[in-house]
């Protein structure tokens, strides 16, 4: 007999080709159905560029493992979004540590209750959700019972997953087009796409073949105000590169070289301290971190956070080529001569967190090295700040568990007699069991302080 070729339906193939040409990188979590979607996504050439990972958490324990807790209902918009958010975080983790490729990660979650044997009591339904820096979306499909068999229902659920991906891809394309029109930051954040990229910015509509007994609904939420979401506690972290949101919730794995501060204002001393520390840790991407909540004072007001974040958008963050030469500056010692190549310095990113404590920062930024001044180092090992030594050592145990450590920069100091001295790590009484977590920043001196700048500005006003 003549062999009939099995051909993928053109509408699915075209939609998936557009997804694979878009900037989207995805991790997919599907359960209870929509199994065919994974095969379709991977059968269209270009999938290796788009798909970072796919998982089918089928059992109850696998679901709890992905979501981090038992869901109140297995098939709900909330659970689909939980799967999508977990997929997003996983995708960011799996992205390259340097650059901003992770801004294109979209997590997809799908959970279904479809025809089965014995027959299900409840409705047959499927919920798909997507989550990324541009926002989130939810798709709910209620199927008329008894109309289709399991394979047909799975096919519809699978189409919904492809539709969700197609919509996310169209949105990513539109964002990229907009950024290219705005120019400047775009080059750093959006790598130029190949000329053969799909020009159509509208999403493809996947034919669903539904009847009056079926119901499909779709909601979309743009991430309008990430800083407000962070302050409200809906997000744990917001990463900004040149004023563009490149990650929420988490950052790529492998750790960063992080300079925490309140940046009120940001000054050249912050820049130079991070630059000097990067000579000790040349492989780590650079970041400034601003905690939007204080231990004692509550949240910083949203307008103030926006104002401080704005400081990181302009020339202050252009690569360090324009920086005064660290080797020839009179304050650095001869041993600071190892100069990294300027190309090594991408713009440091700004991380906004709700983590005033270093033990919380460590959990959020595992594998990181924190660059701190002498006075912060002294407080770090002062047991009374923790309410006793036991608490202090348990906080450091968490920091160690997350593979974090500290680089300590010196600070000038004036004692009671008015004698000026320069204090370094050697002047901090670090308990012996914690010494391996601290490293000195040699040959670095910068006496600018935010407090002095604020006081000076106050006098000028």
Foldseek 3Di string as FASTA:
>chain_A
DDDDDDDDDPLLQVLLVQLLQFLAAEEEEEEQFLVVLVVSNVVHPSSVNHYPYYYYQYDQVSLCVQLVHRDPDQADQVSQVSQFVSGLQVQQQSDDQDAQSSQRYKGKGKYWNAADPVGDPDWGKMKMKIDGQFFMKIKIKTAQPPPDHRVLSSVLNNLVRSQRSQQSRLVSVVVLVVDVVVPDCSVRRPPDGDPVRDPDSDGRDDDRPGDPSMDMDMDIDTPPDVLVCQLVVVWFKFKADLNHTRGTNAHHAQAAAEEEDQPLPPDVLSVVLQQLVCLVVVPHAAEYEYAQQAPPPGGDDSVSVVVRQNVLNDPSQDFCPVPPDLCPDVQFDNVSPPHDDSVSHDRHMYMYGNDNDPLVVCVRGFNYEYEEEPVVLQVLQDQVVQVGDVSSVVSVVSNVVSNYAYEYEWEWDADPVRDIDIDWPVPRPDPPVRVVRYHYSHRDDDHDDSVVVVVVVVVVD
